[in-house]
Amino acid sequence: MTTSRRIADKKVAAFQKNIIKRGSVPETRAKKGSDYPVGPVMLGFFIFVVIGSSIFQFIRMATGGGAA
């Protein structure tokens, strides 16, 4: 058996071993799904800015201070 054939057989065996293990992820490594991409403080700040600016714009338009 040549060296390249032995290396190829070794790679095939390792690949076959990985195929058998596919999908068996431990519970600790899997994502929980309950985490948010932003924190509650950042989300509150964003809501404050969006709602605050819309209220400010509404008051400004109601007093006749500016055109659209």
PDB file of N, CA and C in Angstrom:
ATOM      1  N   MET A   1       0.858  -1.170   0.000  1.00  0.00           N
ATOM      2  CA  MET A   1       0.000   0.000   0.000  1.00  0.00           C
ATOM      3  C   MET A   1       0.907   1.238   0.000  1.00  0.00           C
ATOM      4  N   THR A   2       0.600   2.177  -0.846  1.00  0.00           N
ATOM      5  CA  THR A   2       1.425   3.374  -0.929  1.00  0.00           C
ATOM      6  C   THR A   2       1.075   4.349   0.186  1.00  0.00           C
ATOM      7  N   THR A   3       1.956   5.318   0.379  1.00  0.00           N
ATOM      8  CA  THR A   3       1.762   6.300   1.434  1.00  0.00           C
ATOM      9  C   THR A   3       0.510   7.133   1.179  1.00  0.00           C
ATOM     10  N   SER A   4       0.304   7.526  -0.070  1.00  0.00           N
ATOM     11  CA  SER A   4      -0.858   8.351  -0.372  1.00  0.00           C
ATOM     12  C   SER A   4      -2.159   7.577  -0.144  1.00  0.00           C
ATOM     13  N   ARG A   5      -2.133   6.270  -0.416  1.00  0.00           N
ATOM     14  CA  ARG A   5      -3.330   5.455  -0.193  1.00  0.00           C
ATOM     15  C   ARG A   5      -3.633   5.340   1.305  1.00  0.00           C
ATOM     16  N   ARG A   6      -2.574   5.194   2.132  1.00  0.00           N
ATOM     17  CA  ARG A   6      -2.767   5.114   3.580  1.00  0.00           C
ATOM     18  C   ARG A   6      -3.333   6.423   4.121  1.00  0.00           C
ATOM     19  N   ILE A   7      -2.810   7.528   3.621  1.00  0.00           N
ATOM     20  CA  ILE A   7      -3.304   8.841   4.073  1.00  0.00           C
ATOM     21  C   ILE A   7      -4.759   9.029   3.656  1.00  0.00           C
ATOM     22  N   ALA A   8      -5.069   8.601   2.421  1.00  0.00           N
ATOM     23  CA  ALA A   8      -6.444   8.723   1.935  1.00  0.00           C
ATOM     24  C   ALA A   8      -7.386   7.862   2.768  1.00  0.00           C
ATOM     25  N   ASP A   9      -6.975   6.634   3.090  1.00  0.00           N
ATOM     26  CA  ASP A   9      -7.817   5.760   3.918  1.00  0.00           C
ATOM     27  C   ASP A   9      -8.024   6.343   5.308  1.00  0.00           C
ATOM     28  N   LYS A  10      -6.978   6.967   5.858  1.00  0.00           N
ATOM     29  CA  LYS A  10      -7.093   7.582   7.178  1.00  0.00           C
ATOM     30  C   LYS A  10      -8.085   8.748   7.160  1.00  0.00           C
ATOM     31  N   LYS A  11      -8.025   9.546   6.100  1.00  0.00           N
ATOM     32  CA  LYS A  11      -8.956  10.676   5.967  1.00  0.00           C
ATOM     33  C   LYS A  11     -10.389  10.187   5.792  1.00  0.00           C
ATOM     34  N   VAL A  12     -10.571   9.119   5.020  1.00  0.00           N
ATOM     35  CA  VAL A  12     -11.907   8.574   4.799  1.00  0.00           C
ATOM     36  C   VAL A  12     -12.471   8.032   6.115  1.00  0.00           C
ATOM     37  N   ALA A  13     -11.637   7.362   6.896  1.00  0.00           N
ATOM     38  CA  ALA A  13     -12.091   6.820   8.176  1.00  0.00           C
ATOM     39  C   ALA A  13     -12.499   7.940   9.130  1.00  0.00           C
ATOM     40  N   ALA A  14     -11.711   9.009   9.164  1.00  0.00           N
ATOM     41  CA  ALA A  14     -12.048  10.145  10.027  1.00  0.00           C
ATOM     42  C   ALA A  14     -13.353  10.790   9.567  1.00  0.00           C
ATOM     43  N   PHE A  15     -13.542  10.897   8.253  1.00  0.00           N
ATOM     44  CA  PHE A  15     -14.761  11.485   7.710  1.00  0.00           C
ATOM     45  C   PHE A  15     -15.969  10.626   8.060  1.00  0.00           C
ATOM     46  N   GLN A  16     -15.841   9.313   7.930  1.00  0.00           N
ATOM     47  CA  GLN A  16     -16.941   8.411   8.250  1.00  0.00           C
ATOM     48  C   GLN A  16     -17.304   8.473   9.728  1.00  0.00           C
ATOM     49  N   LYS A  17     -16.297   8.641  10.585  1.00  0.00           N
ATOM     50  CA  LYS A  17     -16.557   8.758  12.012  1.00  0.00           C
ATOM     51  C   LYS A  17     -17.331  10.045  12.308  1.00  0.00           C
ATOM     52  N   ASN A  18     -17.009  11.123  11.601  1.00  0.00           N
ATOM     53  CA  ASN A  18     -17.732  12.380  11.793  1.00  0.00           C
ATOM     54  C   ASN A  18     -19.166  12.291  11.278  1.00  0.00           C
ATOM     55  N   ILE A  19     -19.388  11.530  10.226  1.00  0.00           N
ATOM     56  CA  ILE A  19     -20.739  11.361   9.683  1.00  0.00           C
ATOM     57  C   ILE A  19     -21.638  10.699  10.718  1.00  0.00           C
ATOM     58  N   ILE A  20     -21.102   9.719  11.443  1.00  0.00           N
ATOM     59  CA  ILE A  20     -21.891   9.012  12.449  1.00  0.00           C
ATOM     60  C   ILE A  20     -22.262   9.951  13.585  1.00  0.00           C
ATOM     61  N   LYS A  21     -21.371  10.871  13.949  1.00  0.00           N
ATOM     62  CA  LYS A  21     -21.608  11.784  15.070  1.00  0.00           C
ATOM     63  C   LYS A  21     -22.462  12.986  14.710  1.00  0.00           C
ATOM     64  N   ARG A  22     -22.762  13.175  13.462  1.00  0.00           N
ATOM     65  CA  ARG A  22     -23.457  14.389  13.020  1.00  0.00           C
ATOM     66  C   ARG A  22     -24.830  14.510  13.684  1.00  0.00           C
ATOM     67  N   GLY A  23     -25.102  15.681  14.218  1.00  0.00           N
ATOM     68  CA  GLY A  23     -26.393  15.960  14.838  1.00  0.00           C
ATOM     69  C   GLY A  23     -26.449  15.673  16.323  1.00  0.00           C
ATOM     70  N   SER A  24     -25.425  15.071  16.881  1.00  0.00           N
ATOM     71  CA  SER A  24     -25.444  14.773  18.312  1.00  0.00           C
ATOM     72  C   SER A  24     -24.687  15.862  19.069  1.00  0.00           C
ATOM     73  N   VAL A  25     -25.328  17.018  19.181  1.00  0.00           N
ATOM     74  CA  VAL A  25     -24.741  18.155  19.868  1.00  0.00           C
ATOM     75  C   VAL A  25     -25.174  18.107  21.325  1.00  0.00           C
ATOM     76  N   PRO A  26     -24.253  18.283  22.264  1.00  0.00           N
ATOM     77  CA  PRO A  26     -24.666  18.275  23.671  1.00  0.00           C
ATOM     78  C   PRO A  26     -25.579  19.453  23.991  1.00  0.00           C
ATOM     79  N   GLU A  27     -26.409  19.297  24.990  1.00  0.00           N
ATOM     80  CA  GLU A  27     -27.394  20.318  25.351  1.00  0.00           C
ATOM     81  C   GLU A  27     -26.742  21.635  25.759  1.00  0.00           C
ATOM     82  N   THR A  28     -25.565  21.575  26.363  1.00  0.00           N
ATOM     83  CA  THR A  28     -24.924  22.798  26.835  1.00  0.00           C
ATOM     84  C   THR A  28     -24.406  23.644  25.680  1.00  0.00           C
ATOM     85  N   ARG A  29     -24.138  23.054  24.548  1.00  0.00           N
ATOM     86  CA  ARG A  29     -23.605  23.790  23.409  1.00  0.00           C
ATOM     87  C   ARG A  29     -24.703  24.393  22.534  1.00  0.00           C
ATOM     88  N   ALA A  30     -25.902  23.876  22.638  1.00  0.00           N
ATOM     89  CA  ALA A  30     -26.997  24.362  21.809  1.00  0.00           C
ATOM     90  C   ALA A  30     -27.481  25.714  22.330  1.00  0.00           C
ATOM     91  N   LYS A  31     -27.972  26.546  21.419  1.00  0.00           N
ATOM     92  CA  LYS A  31     -28.478  27.865  21.807  1.00  0.00           C
ATOM     93  C   LYS A  31     -29.802  27.722  22.534  1.00  0.00           C
ATOM     94  N   LYS A  32     -29.995  28.545  23.532  1.00  0.00           N
ATOM     95  CA  LYS A  32     -31.226  28.515  24.317  1.00  0.00           C
ATOM     96  C   LYS A  32     -32.379  29.176  23.570  1.00  0.00           C
ATOM     97  N   GLY A  33     -32.098  30.258  22.836  1.00  0.00           N
ATOM     98  CA  GLY A  33     -33.138  30.936  22.082  1.00  0.00           C
ATOM     99  C   GLY A  33     -33.838  32.033  22.856  1.00  0.00           C
ATOM    100  N   SER A  34     -33.542  32.214  24.137  1.00  0.00           N
ATOM    101  CA  SER A  34     -34.221  33.234  24.920  1.00  0.00           C
ATOM    102  C   SER A  34     -33.408  34.517  25.038  1.00  0.00           C
ATOM    103  N   ASP A  35     -32.193  34.527  24.516  1.00  0.00           N
ATOM    104  CA  ASP A  35     -31.360  35.725  24.588  1.00  0.00           C
ATOM    105  C   ASP A  35     -31.751  36.703  23.480  1.00  0.00           C
ATOM    106  N   TYR A  36     -31.774  37.985  23.834  1.00  0.00           N
ATOM    107  CA  TYR A  36     -32.079  39.017  22.862  1.00  0.00           C
ATOM    108  C   TYR A  36     -30.780  39.565  22.295  1.00  0.00           C
ATOM    109  N   PRO A  37     -30.776  40.011  21.039  1.00  0.00           N
ATOM    110  CA  PRO A  37     -29.540  40.550  20.468  1.00  0.00           C
ATOM    111  C   PRO A  37     -29.117  41.880  21.091  1.00  0.00           C
ATOM    112  N   VAL A  38     -30.060  42.613  21.700  1.00  0.00           N
ATOM    113  CA  VAL A  38     -29.716  43.853  22.403  1.00  0.00           C
ATOM    114  C   VAL A  38     -30.210  43.748  23.841  1.00  0.00           C
ATOM    115  N   GLY A  39     -29.567  44.489  24.710  1.00  0.00           N
ATOM    116  CA  GLY A  39     -29.949  44.465  26.115  1.00  0.00           C
ATOM    117  C   GLY A  39     -31.194  45.278  26.380  1.00  0.00           C
ATOM    118  N   PRO A  40     -31.792  45.114  27.549  1.00  0.00           N
ATOM    119  CA  PRO A  40     -33.017  45.844  27.867  1.00  0.00           C
ATOM    120  C   PRO A  40     -32.785  47.349  27.992  1.00  0.00           C
ATOM    121  N   VAL A  41     -31.587  47.768  28.433  1.00  0.00           N
ATOM    122  CA  VAL A  41     -31.295  49.199  28.550  1.00  0.00           C
ATOM    123  C   VAL A  41     -31.228  49.833  27.166  1.00  0.00           C
ATOM    124  N   MET A  42     -30.560  49.154  26.238  1.00  0.00           N
ATOM    125  CA  MET A  42     -30.448  49.690  24.874  1.00  0.00           C
ATOM    126  C   MET A  42     -31.811  49.727  24.194  1.00  0.00           C
ATOM    127  N   LEU A  43     -32.619  48.705  24.420  1.00  0.00           N
ATOM    128  CA  LEU A  43     -33.958  48.677  23.847  1.00  0.00           C
ATOM    129  C   LEU A  43     -34.821  49.797  24.418  1.00  0.00           C
ATOM    130  N   GLY A  44     -34.727  50.028  25.724  1.00  0.00           N
ATOM    131  CA  GLY A  44     -35.471  51.124  26.350  1.00  0.00           C
ATOM    132  C   GLY A  44     -35.030  52.479  25.829  1.00  0.00           C
ATOM    133  N   PHE A  45     -33.730  52.647  25.637  1.00  0.00           N
ATOM    134  CA  PHE A  45     -33.219  53.908  25.092  1.00  0.00           C
ATOM    135  C   PHE A  45     -33.728  54.131  23.674  1.00  0.00           C
ATOM    136  N   PHE A  46     -33.733  53.086  22.861  1.00  0.00           N
ATOM    137  CA  PHE A  46     -34.223  53.202  21.485  1.00  0.00           C
ATOM    138  C   PHE A  46     -35.700  53.576  21.461  1.00  0.00           C
ATOM    139  N   ILE A  47     -36.502  52.927  22.295  1.00  0.00           N
ATOM    140  CA  ILE A  47     -37.933  53.247  22.363  1.00  0.00           C
ATOM    141  C   ILE A  47     -38.132  54.678  22.857  1.00  0.00           C
ATOM    142  N   PHE A  48     -37.342  55.102  23.855  1.00  0.00           N
ATOM    143  CA  PHE A  48     -37.424  56.466  24.368  1.00  0.00           C
ATOM    144  C   PHE A  48     -37.126  57.476  23.266  1.00  0.00           C
ATOM    145  N   VAL A  49     -36.098  57.227  22.475  1.00  0.00           N
ATOM    146  CA  VAL A  49     -35.721  58.165  21.407  1.00  0.00           C
ATOM    147  C   VAL A  49     -36.793  58.214  20.332  1.00  0.00           C
ATOM    148  N   VAL A  50     -37.290  57.058  19.912  1.00  0.00           N
ATOM    149  CA  VAL A  50     -38.283  57.033  18.823  1.00  0.00           C
ATOM    150  C   VAL A  50     -39.593  57.664  19.264  1.00  0.00           C
ATOM    151  N   ILE A  51     -40.119  57.247  20.415  1.00  0.00           N
ATOM    152  CA  ILE A  51     -41.396  57.794  20.881  1.00  0.00           C
ATOM    153  C   ILE A  51     -41.248  59.254  21.294  1.00  0.00           C
ATOM    154  N   GLY A  52     -40.139  59.587  21.952  1.00  0.00           N
ATOM    155  CA  GLY A  52     -39.907  60.974  22.356  1.00  0.00           C
ATOM    156  C   GLY A  52     -39.809  61.918  21.177  1.00  0.00           C
ATOM    157  N   SER A  53     -39.104  61.488  20.121  1.00  0.00           N
ATOM    158  CA  SER A  53     -38.978  62.360  18.959  1.00  0.00           C
ATOM    159  C   SER A  53     -40.310  62.511  18.233  1.00  0.00           C
ATOM    160  N   SER A  54     -41.124  61.449  18.216  1.00  0.00           N
ATOM    161  CA  SER A  54     -42.421  61.580  17.552  1.00  0.00           C
ATOM    162  C   SER A  54     -43.352  62.494  18.342  1.00  0.00           C
ATOM    163  N   ILE A  55     -43.314  62.413  19.671  1.00  0.00           N
ATOM    164  CA  ILE A  55     -44.127  63.317  20.497  1.00  0.00           C
ATOM    165  C   ILE A  55     -43.648  64.756  20.328  1.00  0.00           C
ATOM    166  N   PHE A  56     -42.331  64.952  20.336  1.00  0.00           N
ATOM    167  CA  PHE A  56     -41.776  66.291  20.138  1.00  0.00           C
ATOM    168  C   PHE A  56     -42.188  66.858  18.779  1.00  0.00           C
ATOM    169  N   GLN A  57     -42.135  66.038  17.732  1.00  0.00           N
ATOM    170  CA  GLN A  57     -42.530  66.486  16.389  1.00  0.00           C
ATOM    171  C   GLN A  57     -44.025  66.811  16.357  1.00  0.00           C
ATOM    172  N   PHE A  58     -44.836  66.032  17.032  1.00  0.00           N
ATOM    173  CA  PHE A  58     -46.279  66.282  17.059  1.00  0.00           C
ATOM    174  C   PHE A  58     -46.576  67.609  17.754  1.00  0.00           C
ATOM    175  N   ILE A  59     -45.919  67.863  18.881  1.00  0.00           N
ATOM    176  CA  ILE A  59     -46.120  69.133  19.597  1.00  0.00           C
ATOM    177  C   ILE A  59     -45.653  70.302  18.735  1.00  0.00           C
ATOM    178  N   ARG A  60     -44.555  70.112  18.069  1.00  0.00           N
ATOM    179  CA  ARG A  60     -44.007  71.178  17.205  1.00  0.00           C
ATOM    180  C   ARG A  60     -44.956  71.511  16.064  1.00  0.00           C
ATOM    181  N   MET A  61     -45.543  70.464  15.456  1.00  0.00           N
ATOM    182  CA  MET A  61     -46.482  70.688  14.357  1.00  0.00           C
ATOM    183  C   MET A  61     -47.799  71.282  14.874  1.00  0.00           C
ATOM    184  N   ALA A  62     -48.208  70.897  16.089  1.00  0.00           N
ATOM    185  CA  ALA A  62     -49.473  71.387  16.638  1.00  0.00           C
ATOM    186  C   ALA A  62     -49.397  72.877  16.976  1.00  0.00           C
ATOM    187  N   THR A  63     -48.228  73.339  17.391  1.00  0.00           N
ATOM    188  CA  THR A  63     -48.077  74.752  17.732  1.00  0.00           C
ATOM    189  C   THR A  63     -47.799  75.606  16.501  1.00  0.00           C
ATOM    190  N   GLY A  64     -47.676  74.977  15.353  1.00  0.00           N
ATOM    191  CA  GLY A  64     -47.442  75.724  14.117  1.00  0.00           C
ATOM    192  C   GLY A  64     -46.018  76.193  13.960  1.00  0.00           C
ATOM    193  N   GLY A  65     -45.110  75.555  14.624  1.00  0.00           N
ATOM    194  CA  GLY A  65     -43.715  75.971  14.608  1.00  0.00           C
ATOM    195  C   GLY A  65     -42.960  75.579  13.353  1.00  0.00           C
ATOM    196  N   GLY A  66     -43.407  74.615  12.629  1.00  0.00           N
ATOM    197  CA  GLY A  66     -42.644  74.202  11.467  1.00  0.00           C
ATOM    198  C   GLY A  66     -43.485  73.464  10.447  1.00  0.00           C
ATOM    199  N   ALA A  67     -43.046  73.530   9.216  1.00  0.00           N
ATOM    200  CA  ALA A  67     -43.732  72.810   8.159  1.00  0.00           C
ATOM    201  C   ALA A  67     -43.083  71.428   8.015  1.00  0.00           C
ATOM    202  N   ALA A  68     -43.783  70.544   7.355  1.00  0.00           N
ATOM    203  CA  ALA A  68     -43.323  69.177   7.194  1.00  0.00           C
ATOM    204  C   ALA A  68     -41.978  69.164   6.578  1.00  0.00           C
TER     205      ALA A  68
END
